[in-house]
Amino acid sequence: MYSVKPMMVNSVGQTEEGETEVRGVILDKAVGPYAARIVAVSNMKKEIAVSGPAGIEYNKSTGEFVITLKT
């Protein structure tokens, strides 16, 4: 994962619907996650999955987040 803000990813898994789920904590609680994407290793411009604010659950008081990406 790449982030311009300090964060820690606790787990990357798969939901019952087959989506990719990323759980973690934003270490700088002044900001939160806004978007996420999965790209091809061979070509960082080739997006495999994208998630915007609708696919992100964020708890501002704890910094915990869950990002769901439809893959």
PDB file of N, CA and C in Angstrom:
ATOM      1  N   MET A   1       0.837  -1.182   0.000  1.00  0.00           N
ATOM      2  CA  MET A   1       0.000   0.000   0.000  1.00  0.00           C
ATOM      3  C   MET A   1       0.878   1.240   0.000  1.00  0.00           C
ATOM      4  N   TYR A   2       0.352   2.277  -0.581  1.00  0.00           N
ATOM      5  CA  TYR A   2       1.027   3.563  -0.622  1.00  0.00           C
ATOM      6  C   TYR A   2       0.064   4.603  -0.065  1.00  0.00           C
ATOM      7  N   SER A   3       0.565   5.458   0.787  1.00  0.00           N
ATOM      8  CA  SER A   3      -0.249   6.527   1.342  1.00  0.00           C
ATOM      9  C   SER A   3       0.634   7.740   1.585  1.00  0.00           C
ATOM     10  N   VAL A   4       0.098   8.919   1.340  1.00  0.00           N
ATOM     11  CA  VAL A   4       0.845  10.131   1.631  1.00  0.00           C
ATOM     12  C   VAL A   4       0.685  10.516   3.103  1.00  0.00           C
ATOM     13  N   LYS A   5      -0.233   9.875   3.811  1.00  0.00           N
ATOM     14  CA  LYS A   5      -0.454  10.110   5.237  1.00  0.00           C
ATOM     15  C   LYS A   5      -0.020   8.871   6.012  1.00  0.00           C
ATOM     16  N   PRO A   6       0.484   9.045   7.247  1.00  0.00           N
ATOM     17  CA  PRO A   6       0.894   7.875   8.036  1.00  0.00           C
ATOM     18  C   PRO A   6      -0.305   7.013   8.411  1.00  0.00           C
ATOM     19  N   MET A   7      -0.216   5.736   8.072  1.00  0.00           N
ATOM     20  CA  MET A   7      -1.298   4.799   8.362  1.00  0.00           C
ATOM     21  C   MET A   7      -0.729   3.412   8.603  1.00  0.00           C
ATOM     22  N   MET A   8      -1.520   2.569   9.224  1.00  0.00           N
ATOM     23  CA  MET A   8      -1.130   1.182   9.459  1.00  0.00           C
ATOM     24  C   MET A   8      -2.260   0.290   8.947  1.00  0.00           C
ATOM     25  N   VAL A   9      -1.930  -0.680   8.109  1.00  0.00           N
ATOM     26  CA  VAL A   9      -2.907  -1.637   7.611  1.00  0.00           C
ATOM     27  C   VAL A   9      -2.832  -2.870   8.496  1.00  0.00           C
ATOM     28  N   ASN A  10      -3.967  -3.228   9.096  1.00  0.00           N
ATOM     29  CA  ASN A  10      -4.027  -4.394   9.970  1.00  0.00           C
ATOM     30  C   ASN A  10      -4.322  -5.674   9.207  1.00  0.00           C
ATOM     31  N   SER A  11      -5.184  -5.577   8.198  1.00  0.00           N
ATOM     32  CA  SER A  11      -5.525  -6.783   7.443  1.00  0.00           C
ATOM     33  C   SER A  11      -6.055  -6.430   6.063  1.00  0.00           C
ATOM     34  N   VAL A  12      -5.829  -7.348   5.146  1.00  0.00           N
ATOM     35  CA  VAL A  12      -6.403  -7.289   3.808  1.00  0.00           C
ATOM     36  C   VAL A  12      -7.058  -8.641   3.599  1.00  0.00           C
ATOM     37  N   GLY A  13      -8.349  -8.627   3.322  1.00  0.00           N
ATOM     38  CA  GLY A  13      -9.070  -9.887   3.176  1.00  0.00           C
ATOM     39  C   GLY A  13     -10.147  -9.787   2.128  1.00  0.00           C
ATOM     40  N   GLN A  14     -10.982 -10.812   2.113  1.00  0.00           N
ATOM     41  CA  GLN A  14     -12.056 -10.889   1.128  1.00  0.00           C
ATOM     42  C   GLN A  14     -13.390 -11.006   1.863  1.00  0.00           C
ATOM     43  N   THR A  15     -14.391 -10.251   1.408  1.00  0.00           N
ATOM     44  CA  THR A  15     -15.724 -10.320   1.995  1.00  0.00           C
ATOM     45  C   THR A  15     -16.468 -11.527   1.414  1.00  0.00           C
ATOM     46  N   GLU A  16     -17.631 -11.820   1.975  1.00  0.00           N
ATOM     47  CA  GLU A  16     -18.460 -12.922   1.462  1.00  0.00           C
ATOM     48  C   GLU A  16     -18.905 -12.669   0.026  1.00  0.00           C
ATOM     49  N   GLU A  17     -18.987 -11.400  -0.362  1.00  0.00           N
ATOM     50  CA  GLU A  17     -19.405 -11.036  -1.729  1.00  0.00           C
ATOM     51  C   GLU A  17     -18.238 -11.063  -2.711  1.00  0.00           C
ATOM     52  N   GLY A  18     -17.009 -11.367  -2.235  1.00  0.00           N
ATOM     53  CA  GLY A  18     -15.847 -11.427  -3.109  1.00  0.00           C
ATOM     54  C   GLY A  18     -15.116 -10.111  -3.271  1.00  0.00           C
ATOM     55  N   GLU A  19     -15.493  -9.113  -2.489  1.00  0.00           N
ATOM     56  CA  GLU A  19     -14.820  -7.819  -2.555  1.00  0.00           C
ATOM     57  C   GLU A  19     -13.562  -7.847  -1.686  1.00  0.00           C
ATOM     58  N   THR A  20     -12.630  -6.962  -1.964  1.00  0.00           N
ATOM     59  CA  THR A  20     -11.418  -6.843  -1.153  1.00  0.00           C
ATOM     60  C   THR A  20     -11.701  -5.861  -0.025  1.00  0.00           C
ATOM     61  N   GLU A  21     -11.341  -6.266   1.198  1.00  0.00           N
ATOM     62  CA  GLU A  21     -11.565  -5.424   2.367  1.00  0.00           C
ATOM     63  C   GLU A  21     -10.233  -5.113   3.031  1.00  0.00           C
ATOM     64  N   VAL A  22      -9.970  -3.837   3.251  1.00  0.00           N
ATOM     65  CA  VAL A  22      -8.734  -3.383   3.891  1.00  0.00           C
ATOM     66  C   VAL A  22      -9.112  -2.719   5.214  1.00  0.00           C
ATOM     67  N   ARG A  23      -8.520  -3.197   6.318  1.00  0.00           N
ATOM     68  CA  ARG A  23      -8.774  -2.623   7.642  1.00  0.00           C
ATOM     69  C   ARG A  23      -7.476  -2.054   8.187  1.00  0.00           C
ATOM     70  N   GLY A  24      -7.578  -0.906   8.840  1.00  0.00           N
ATOM     71  CA  GLY A  24      -6.383  -0.303   9.404  1.00  0.00           C
ATOM     72  C   GLY A  24      -6.691   0.910  10.246  1.00  0.00           C
ATOM     73  N   VAL A  25      -5.634   1.685  10.513  1.00  0.00           N
ATOM     74  CA  VAL A  25      -5.732   2.877  11.353  1.00  0.00           C
ATOM     75  C   VAL A  25      -4.934   4.012  10.708  1.00  0.00           C
ATOM     76  N   ILE A  26      -5.543   5.180  10.639  1.00  0.00           N
ATOM     77  CA  ILE A  26      -4.834   6.382  10.224  1.00  0.00           C
ATOM     78  C   ILE A  26      -4.133   6.917  11.470  1.00  0.00           C
ATOM     79  N   LEU A  27      -2.837   7.103  11.409  1.00  0.00           N
ATOM     80  CA  LEU A  27      -2.074   7.513  12.586  1.00  0.00           C
ATOM     81  C   LEU A  27      -2.189   9.015  12.865  1.00  0.00           C
ATOM     82  N   ASP A  28      -2.430   9.825  11.849  1.00  0.00           N
ATOM     83  CA  ASP A  28      -2.651  11.256  12.015  1.00  0.00           C
ATOM     84  C   ASP A  28      -4.157  11.484  11.959  1.00  0.00           C
ATOM     85  N   LYS A  29      -4.797  11.565  13.117  1.00  0.00           N
ATOM     86  CA  LYS A  29      -6.254  11.628  13.165  1.00  0.00           C
ATOM     87  C   LYS A  29      -6.842  12.954  12.668  1.00  0.00           C
ATOM     88  N   ALA A  30      -6.000  13.889  12.247  1.00  0.00           N
ATOM     89  CA  ALA A  30      -6.488  15.147  11.683  1.00  0.00           C
ATOM     90  C   ALA A  30      -7.026  14.950  10.272  1.00  0.00           C
ATOM     91  N   VAL A  31      -6.685  13.823   9.646  1.00  0.00           N
ATOM     92  CA  VAL A  31      -7.138  13.530   8.281  1.00  0.00           C
ATOM     93  C   VAL A  31      -7.738  12.130   8.246  1.00  0.00           C
ATOM     94  N   GLY A  32      -8.469  11.831   7.192  1.00  0.00           N
ATOM     95  CA  GLY A  32      -9.034  10.501   7.023  1.00  0.00           C
ATOM     96  C   GLY A  32      -8.858  10.026   5.602  1.00  0.00           C
ATOM     97  N   PRO A  33      -9.114   8.749   5.349  1.00  0.00           N
ATOM     98  CA  PRO A  33      -8.988   8.241   3.972  1.00  0.00           C
ATOM     99  C   PRO A  33     -10.126   8.767   3.110  1.00  0.00           C
ATOM    100  N   TYR A  34      -9.807   9.107   1.880  1.00  0.00           N
ATOM    101  CA  TYR A  34     -10.805   9.641   0.960  1.00  0.00           C
ATOM    102  C   TYR A  34     -11.054   8.690  -0.211  1.00  0.00           C
ATOM    103  N   ALA A  35     -10.004   8.010  -0.666  1.00  0.00           N
ATOM    104  CA  ALA A  35     -10.122   7.111  -1.807  1.00  0.00           C
ATOM    105  C   ALA A  35      -9.026   6.061  -1.724  1.00  0.00           C
ATOM    106  N   ALA A  36      -9.253   4.959  -2.417  1.00  0.00           N
ATOM    107  CA  ALA A  36      -8.258   3.887  -2.474  1.00  0.00           C
ATOM    108  C   ALA A  36      -8.358   3.230  -3.837  1.00  0.00           C
ATOM    109  N   ARG A  37      -7.260   2.629  -4.255  1.00  0.00           N
ATOM    110  CA  ARG A  37      -7.285   1.911  -5.530  1.00  0.00           C
ATOM    111  C   ARG A  37      -6.281   0.775  -5.503  1.00  0.00           C
ATOM    112  N   ILE A  38      -6.559  -0.232  -6.271  1.00  0.00           N
ATOM    113  CA  ILE A  38      -5.650  -1.349  -6.495  1.00  0.00           C
ATOM    114  C   ILE A  38      -5.164  -1.207  -7.923  1.00  0.00           C
ATOM    115  N   VAL A  39      -3.850  -1.265  -8.104  1.00  0.00           N
ATOM    116  CA  VAL A  39      -3.269  -1.121  -9.441  1.00  0.00           C
ATOM    117  C   VAL A  39      -2.434  -2.355  -9.778  1.00  0.00           C
ATOM    118  N   ALA A  40      -2.148  -2.529 -11.040  1.00  0.00           N
ATOM    119  CA  ALA A  40      -1.295  -3.620 -11.497  1.00  0.00           C
ATOM    120  C   ALA A  40       0.150  -3.315 -11.118  1.00  0.00           C
ATOM    121  N   VAL A  41       0.876  -4.306 -10.652  1.00  0.00           N
ATOM    122  CA  VAL A  41       2.281  -4.125 -10.280  1.00  0.00           C
ATOM    123  C   VAL A  41       3.097  -3.692 -11.490  1.00  0.00           C
ATOM    124  N   SER A  42       2.790  -4.249 -12.629  1.00  0.00           N
ATOM    125  CA  SER A  42       3.552  -3.958 -13.838  1.00  0.00           C
ATOM    126  C   SER A  42       3.240  -2.587 -14.439  1.00  0.00           C
ATOM    127  N   ASN A  43       2.081  -2.005 -14.056  1.00  0.00           N
ATOM    128  CA  ASN A  43       1.685  -0.717 -14.616  1.00  0.00           C
ATOM    129  C   ASN A  43       0.841   0.021 -13.579  1.00  0.00           C
ATOM    130  N   MET A  44       1.453   0.945 -12.852  1.00  0.00           N
ATOM    131  CA  MET A  44       0.772   1.657 -11.770  1.00  0.00           C
ATOM    132  C   MET A  44      -0.414   2.496 -12.260  1.00  0.00           C
ATOM    133  N   LYS A  45      -0.515   2.728 -13.555  1.00  0.00           N
ATOM    134  CA  LYS A  45      -1.634   3.496 -14.097  1.00  0.00           C
ATOM    135  C   LYS A  45      -2.830   2.614 -14.427  1.00  0.00           C
ATOM    136  N   LYS A  46      -2.650   1.295 -14.417  1.00  0.00           N
ATOM    137  CA  LYS A  46      -3.739   0.370 -14.733  1.00  0.00           C
ATOM    138  C   LYS A  46      -4.494   0.036 -13.447  1.00  0.00           C
ATOM    139  N   GLU A  47      -5.678   0.625 -13.290  1.00  0.00           N
ATOM    140  CA  GLU A  47      -6.485   0.406 -12.096  1.00  0.00           C
ATOM    141  C   GLU A  47      -7.272  -0.890 -12.195  1.00  0.00           C
ATOM    142  N   ILE A  48      -7.185  -1.696 -11.150  1.00  0.00           N
ATOM    143  CA  ILE A  48      -7.939  -2.941 -11.075  1.00  0.00           C
ATOM    144  C   ILE A  48      -9.236  -2.714 -10.302  1.00  0.00           C
ATOM    145  N   ALA A  49      -9.163  -1.906  -9.246  1.00  0.00           N
ATOM    146  CA  ALA A  49     -10.348  -1.573  -8.448  1.00  0.00           C
ATOM    147  C   ALA A  49     -10.149  -0.202  -7.826  1.00  0.00           C
ATOM    148  N   VAL A  50     -11.266   0.530  -7.670  1.00  0.00           N
ATOM    149  CA  VAL A  50     -11.231   1.871  -7.089  1.00  0.00           C
ATOM    150  C   VAL A  50     -12.366   1.993  -6.085  1.00  0.00           C
ATOM    151  N   SER A  51     -12.109   2.706  -5.002  1.00  0.00           N
ATOM    152  CA  SER A  51     -13.149   2.977  -4.017  1.00  0.00           C
ATOM    153  C   SER A  51     -13.059   4.432  -3.605  1.00  0.00           C
ATOM    154  N   GLY A  52     -14.206   5.088  -3.565  1.00  0.00           N
ATOM    155  CA  GLY A  52     -14.267   6.468  -3.114  1.00  0.00           C
ATOM    156  C   GLY A  52     -14.885   6.547  -1.733  1.00  0.00           C
ATOM    157  N   PRO A  53     -15.319   7.722  -1.332  1.00  0.00           N
ATOM    158  CA  PRO A  53     -15.868   7.904   0.014  1.00  0.00           C
ATOM    159  C   PRO A  53     -17.020   6.957   0.359  1.00  0.00           C
ATOM    160  N   ALA A  54     -17.833   6.573  -0.618  1.00  0.00           N
ATOM    161  CA  ALA A  54     -18.962   5.672  -0.349  1.00  0.00           C
ATOM    162  C   ALA A  54     -18.506   4.281   0.084  1.00  0.00           C
ATOM    163  N   GLY A  55     -17.309   3.871  -0.308  1.00  0.00           N
ATOM    164  CA  GLY A  55     -16.800   2.548   0.035  1.00  0.00           C
ATOM    165  C   GLY A  55     -15.860   2.546   1.231  1.00  0.00           C
ATOM    166  N   ILE A  56     -15.833   3.666   1.977  1.00  0.00           N
ATOM    167  CA  ILE A  56     -14.909   3.786   3.103  1.00  0.00           C
ATOM    168  C   ILE A  56     -15.677   4.105   4.372  1.00  0.00           C
ATOM    169  N   GLU A  57     -15.461   3.281   5.386  1.00  0.00           N
ATOM    170  CA  GLU A  57     -15.987   3.567   6.721  1.00  0.00           C
ATOM    171  C   GLU A  57     -14.818   4.096   7.543  1.00  0.00           C
ATOM    172  N   TYR A  58     -15.017   5.227   8.214  1.00  0.00           N
ATOM    173  CA  TYR A  58     -13.928   5.844   8.974  1.00  0.00           C
ATOM    174  C   TYR A  58     -14.450   6.335  10.315  1.00  0.00           C
ATOM    175  N   ASN A  59     -13.775   5.945  11.382  1.00  0.00           N
ATOM    176  CA  ASN A  59     -14.101   6.399  12.725  1.00  0.00           C
ATOM    177  C   ASN A  59     -13.077   7.466  13.103  1.00  0.00           C
ATOM    178  N   LYS A  60     -13.487   8.718  13.068  1.00  0.00           N
ATOM    179  CA  LYS A  60     -12.557   9.824  13.300  1.00  0.00           C
ATOM    180  C   LYS A  60     -11.975   9.810  14.713  1.00  0.00           C
ATOM    181  N   SER A  61     -12.741   9.358  15.700  1.00  0.00           N
ATOM    182  CA  SER A  61     -12.242   9.381  17.074  1.00  0.00           C
ATOM    183  C   SER A  61     -11.147   8.346  17.317  1.00  0.00           C
ATOM    184  N   THR A  62     -11.212   7.192  16.629  1.00  0.00           N
ATOM    185  CA  THR A  62     -10.189   6.157  16.819  1.00  0.00           C
ATOM    186  C   THR A  62      -9.185   6.101  15.675  1.00  0.00           C
ATOM    187  N   GLY A  63      -9.543   6.665  14.523  1.00  0.00           N
ATOM    188  CA  GLY A  63      -8.685   6.607  13.343  1.00  0.00           C
ATOM    189  C   GLY A  63      -8.824   5.313  12.563  1.00  0.00           C
ATOM    190  N   GLU A  64      -9.698   4.403  13.007  1.00  0.00           N
ATOM    191  CA  GLU A  64      -9.875   3.114  12.332  1.00  0.00           C
ATOM    192  C   GLU A  64     -10.671   3.289  11.040  1.00  0.00           C
ATOM    193  N   PHE A  65     -10.296   2.501  10.026  1.00  0.00           N
ATOM    194  CA  PHE A  65     -11.016   2.552   8.762  1.00  0.00           C
ATOM    195  C   PHE A  65     -11.208   1.151   8.190  1.00  0.00           C
ATOM    196  N   VAL A  66     -12.236   1.030   7.358  1.00  0.00           N
ATOM    197  CA  VAL A  66     -12.487  -0.171   6.568  1.00  0.00           C
ATOM    198  C   VAL A  66     -12.767   0.313   5.156  1.00  0.00           C
ATOM    199  N   ILE A  67     -11.969  -0.161   4.202  1.00  0.00           N
ATOM    200  CA  ILE A  67     -12.145   0.205   2.797  1.00  0.00           C
ATOM    201  C   ILE A  67     -12.583  -1.048   2.050  1.00  0.00           C
ATOM    202  N   THR A  68     -13.674  -0.933   1.299  1.00  0.00           N
ATOM    203  CA  THR A  68     -14.181  -2.051   0.502  1.00  0.00           C
ATOM    204  C   THR A  68     -14.002  -1.707  -0.978  1.00  0.00           C
ATOM    205  N   LEU A  69     -13.297  -2.609  -1.665  1.00  0.00           N
ATOM    206  CA  LEU A  69     -13.039  -2.421  -3.098  1.00  0.00           C
ATOM    207  C   LEU A  69     -13.668  -3.572  -3.866  1.00  0.00           C
ATOM    208  N   LYS A  70     -14.506  -3.258  -4.843  1.00  0.00           N
ATOM    209  CA  LYS A  70     -15.133  -4.287  -5.674  1.00  0.00           C
ATOM    210  C   LYS A  70     -14.114  -4.768  -6.680  1.00  0.00           C
ATOM    211  N   THR A  71     -13.683  -6.027  -6.512  1.00  0.00           N
ATOM    212  CA  THR A  71     -12.648  -6.588  -7.399  1.00  0.00           C
ATOM    213  C   THR A  71     -13.208  -7.680  -8.252  1.00  0.00           C
TER     214      THR A  71
END
